[in-house]
């Protein structure tokens, strides 16, 4: 999708006005305005903007795996301190980050395999 937008920009000679970074910010602003128009909550808007940012600017899977490990390490500490509700939330965040790390690493592997062919 990003290549198609860049092709349209170069076709209509808009590269003078838009760099890749400007285009990324433009997409994020449009998504934010759309989410506000749909009366979404703060959490939903944050998830949408984070997802769009990660699609436009992929991050290595190791960062998500490291975050998952940190949250998994905090979970037993919260349990020992008697904060069961907080421990549940930390575990959910950890497993979500772990799932993201796996999905992104599969995507990275497929992308590297395509480059090798």
C-alpha atoms as a PDB file:
ATOM      1  CA  UNK A   1       0.000   0.000   0.000  1.00  0.00           C
ATOM      2  CA  UNK A   2       2.800   2.390   0.865  1.00  0.00           C
ATOM      3  CA  UNK A   3       4.471   1.747  -2.527  1.00  0.00           C
ATOM      4  CA  UNK A   4       1.198   2.508  -4.300  1.00  0.00           C
ATOM      5  CA  UNK A   5       0.914   5.850  -2.489  1.00  0.00           C
ATOM      6  CA  UNK A   6       4.526   6.691  -3.314  1.00  0.00           C
ATOM      7  CA  UNK A   7       3.873   5.800  -6.960  1.00  0.00           C
ATOM      8  CA  UNK A   8       0.869   8.140  -7.041  1.00  0.00           C
ATOM      9  CA  UNK A   9       2.918  10.905  -5.462  1.00  0.00           C
ATOM     10  CA  UNK A  10       5.691  10.547  -8.036  1.00  0.00           C
ATOM     11  CA  UNK A  11       3.151  10.263 -10.876  1.00  0.00           C
ATOM     12  CA  UNK A  12       1.486  13.535  -9.956  1.00  0.00           C
ATOM     13  CA  UNK A  13       4.806  15.215  -9.120  1.00  0.00           C
ATOM     14  CA  UNK A  14       3.892  15.719  -5.490  1.00  0.00           C
ATOM     15  CA  UNK A  15       7.277  14.579  -4.222  1.00  0.00           C
ATOM     16  CA  UNK A  16       8.192  18.238  -3.953  1.00  0.00           C
ATOM     17  CA  UNK A  17       5.599  18.615  -1.205  1.00  0.00           C
ATOM     18  CA  UNK A  18       5.754  15.224   0.484  1.00  0.00           C
ATOM     19  CA  UNK A  19       8.689  13.272   1.792  1.00  0.00           C
ATOM     20  CA  UNK A  20       8.143   9.775   3.164  1.00  0.00           C
ATOM     21  CA  UNK A  21       8.158  11.082   6.725  1.00  0.00           C
ATOM     22  CA  UNK A  22       5.620  13.790   5.887  1.00  0.00           C
ATOM     23  CA  UNK A  23       3.388  11.210   4.247  1.00  0.00           C
ATOM     24  CA  UNK A  24       3.556   9.001   7.350  1.00  0.00           C
ATOM     25  CA  UNK A  25       2.541  11.900   9.566  1.00  0.00           C
ATOM     26  CA  UNK A  26      -0.242  12.822   7.169  1.00  0.00           C
ATOM     27  CA  UNK A  27      -1.673   9.282   7.353  1.00  0.00           C
ATOM     28  CA  UNK A  28      -1.490   9.362  11.167  1.00  0.00           C
ATOM     29  CA  UNK A  29      -3.283  12.719  11.327  1.00  0.00           C
ATOM     30  CA  UNK A  30      -6.025  11.507   8.977  1.00  0.00           C
ATOM     31  CA  UNK A  31      -6.485   8.365  11.102  1.00  0.00           C
ATOM     32  CA  UNK A  32      -6.653  10.481  14.250  1.00  0.00           C
ATOM     33  CA  UNK A  33      -9.285  12.777  12.754  1.00  0.00           C
ATOM     34  CA  UNK A  34     -11.282   9.773  11.542  1.00  0.00           C
ATOM     35  CA  UNK A  35     -11.152   8.177  15.000  1.00  0.00           C
ATOM     36  CA  UNK A  36     -12.317  11.422  16.596  1.00  0.00           C
ATOM     37  CA  UNK A  37     -15.170  11.660  14.087  1.00  0.00           C
ATOM     38  CA  UNK A  38     -16.206   8.111  14.983  1.00  0.00           C
ATOM     39  CA  UNK A  39     -16.194   9.112  18.674  1.00  0.00           C
ATOM     40  CA  UNK A  40     -13.605   6.520  19.691  1.00  0.00           C
ATOM     41  CA  UNK A  41     -12.105   6.457  23.176  1.00  0.00           C
ATOM     42  CA  UNK A  42      -8.536   7.331  24.040  1.00  0.00           C
ATOM     43  CA  UNK A  43      -7.385   3.699  24.225  1.00  0.00           C
ATOM     44  CA  UNK A  44      -8.866   2.817  20.830  1.00  0.00           C
ATOM     45  CA  UNK A  45      -7.265   5.867  19.218  1.00  0.00           C
ATOM     46  CA  UNK A  46      -3.888   5.012  20.764  1.00  0.00           C
ATOM     47  CA  UNK A  47      -4.068   1.418  19.506  1.00  0.00           C
ATOM     48  CA  UNK A  48      -5.072   2.571  16.013  1.00  0.00           C
ATOM     49  CA  UNK A  49      -2.256   5.121  15.781  1.00  0.00           C
ATOM     50  CA  UNK A  50       0.294   2.642  17.152  1.00  0.00           C
ATOM     51  CA  UNK A  51      -0.813  -0.022  14.664  1.00  0.00           C
ATOM     52  CA  UNK A  52      -0.591   2.400  11.730  1.00  0.00           C
ATOM     53  CA  UNK A  53       2.813   3.627  12.878  1.00  0.00           C
ATOM     54  CA  UNK A  54       4.112   0.057  13.168  1.00  0.00           C
ATOM     55  CA  UNK A  55       2.802  -0.767   9.703  1.00  0.00           C
ATOM     56  CA  UNK A  56       4.516   2.270   8.192  1.00  0.00           C
ATOM     57  CA  UNK A  57       7.727   1.912  10.244  1.00  0.00           C
ATOM     58  CA  UNK A  58       8.338  -1.726  11.162  1.00  0.00           C
ATOM     59  CA  UNK A  59      10.183  -2.405  14.400  1.00  0.00           C
ATOM     60  CA  UNK A  60      12.386  -5.429  15.028  1.00  0.00           C
ATOM     61  CA  UNK A  61      10.680  -8.297  16.816  1.00  0.00           C
ATOM     62  CA  UNK A  62      13.409  -8.437  19.490  1.00  0.00           C
ATOM     63  CA  UNK A  63      12.123  -5.189  21.006  1.00  0.00           C
ATOM     64  CA  UNK A  64       8.664  -6.680  21.547  1.00  0.00           C
ATOM     65  CA  UNK A  65      10.149  -9.885  22.943  1.00  0.00           C
ATOM     66  CA  UNK A  66      12.272  -7.874  25.395  1.00  0.00           C
ATOM     67  CA  UNK A  67       9.201  -5.923  26.502  1.00  0.00           C
ATOM     68  CA  UNK A  68       7.293  -9.177  26.975  1.00  0.00           C
ATOM     69  CA  UNK A  69      10.066 -10.570  29.175  1.00  0.00           C
ATOM     70  CA  UNK A  70      10.140  -7.418  31.274  1.00  0.00           C
ATOM     71  CA  UNK A  71       6.382  -7.555  31.857  1.00  0.00           C
ATOM     72  CA  UNK A  72       6.611 -11.270  32.667  1.00  0.00           C
ATOM     73  CA  UNK A  73       9.283 -10.468  35.253  1.00  0.00           C
ATOM     74  CA  UNK A  74       7.048  -7.799  36.819  1.00  0.00           C
ATOM     75  CA  UNK A  75       4.051 -10.153  37.062  1.00  0.00           C
ATOM     76  CA  UNK A  76       5.317 -12.332  39.980  1.00  0.00           C
ATOM     77  CA  UNK A  77       6.508  -9.216  41.806  1.00  0.00           C
ATOM     78  CA  UNK A  78       2.979  -7.805  41.637  1.00  0.00           C
ATOM     79  CA  UNK A  79       1.600 -11.143  42.876  1.00  0.00           C
ATOM     80  CA  UNK A  80       3.985 -11.183  45.840  1.00  0.00           C
ATOM     81  CA  UNK A  81       2.934  -7.646  46.737  1.00  0.00           C
ATOM     82  CA  UNK A  82      -0.719  -8.740  46.698  1.00  0.00           C
ATOM     83  CA  UNK A  83      -1.706  -6.766  43.610  1.00  0.00           C
ATOM     84  CA  UNK A  84      -3.574  -9.528  41.787  1.00  0.00           C
ATOM     85  CA  UNK A  85      -5.508  -7.255  39.423  1.00  0.00           C
ATOM     86  CA  UNK A  86      -2.284  -5.487  38.424  1.00  0.00           C
ATOM     87  CA  UNK A  87      -0.550  -8.835  37.887  1.00  0.00           C
ATOM     88  CA  UNK A  88      -3.360  -9.936  35.556  1.00  0.00           C
ATOM     89  CA  UNK A  89      -2.984  -6.770  33.499  1.00  0.00           C
ATOM     90  CA  UNK A  90       0.797  -7.157  33.358  1.00  0.00           C
ATOM     91  CA  UNK A  91       0.444 -10.762  32.180  1.00  0.00           C
ATOM     92  CA  UNK A  92      -2.028  -9.755  29.466  1.00  0.00           C
ATOM     93  CA  UNK A  93       0.347  -7.060  28.229  1.00  0.00           C
ATOM     94  CA  UNK A  94       3.245  -9.532  28.293  1.00  0.00           C
ATOM     95  CA  UNK A  95       1.413 -12.149  26.259  1.00  0.00           C
ATOM     96  CA  UNK A  96       0.189  -9.518  23.804  1.00  0.00           C
ATOM     97  CA  UNK A  97       3.750  -8.310  23.279  1.00  0.00           C
ATOM     98  CA  UNK A  98       4.922 -11.882  22.901  1.00  0.00           C
ATOM     99  CA  UNK A  99       2.271 -12.521  20.263  1.00  0.00           C
ATOM    100  CA  UNK A 100       3.329  -9.374  18.397  1.00  0.00           C
ATOM    101  CA  UNK A 101       6.959 -10.482  18.566  1.00  0.00           C
ATOM    102  CA  UNK A 102       6.119 -13.857  17.043  1.00  0.00           C
ATOM    103  CA  UNK A 103       4.005 -12.374  14.258  1.00  0.00           C
ATOM    104  CA  UNK A 104       6.644  -9.777  13.406  1.00  0.00           C
ATOM    105  CA  UNK A 105       9.452 -12.365  13.462  1.00  0.00           C
ATOM    106  CA  UNK A 106       7.466 -14.557  11.044  1.00  0.00           C
ATOM    107  CA  UNK A 107       7.034 -11.538   8.782  1.00  0.00           C
ATOM    108  CA  UNK A 108      10.753 -10.720   9.034  1.00  0.00           C
ATOM    109  CA  UNK A 109      11.654 -14.294   8.166  1.00  0.00           C
ATOM    110  CA  UNK A 110       9.382 -14.292   5.134  1.00  0.00           C
ATOM    111  CA  UNK A 111      10.807 -10.946   3.975  1.00  0.00           C
ATOM    112  CA  UNK A 112      14.389 -12.236   4.273  1.00  0.00           C
ATOM    113  CA  UNK A 113      13.447 -15.442   2.445  1.00  0.00           C
ATOM    114  CA  UNK A 114      12.015 -13.399  -0.433  1.00  0.00           C
ATOM    115  CA  UNK A 115      15.235 -11.372  -0.663  1.00  0.00           C
ATOM    116  CA  UNK A 116      17.303 -14.552  -0.830  1.00  0.00           C
ATOM    117  CA  UNK A 117      15.276 -15.935  -3.744  1.00  0.00           C
END
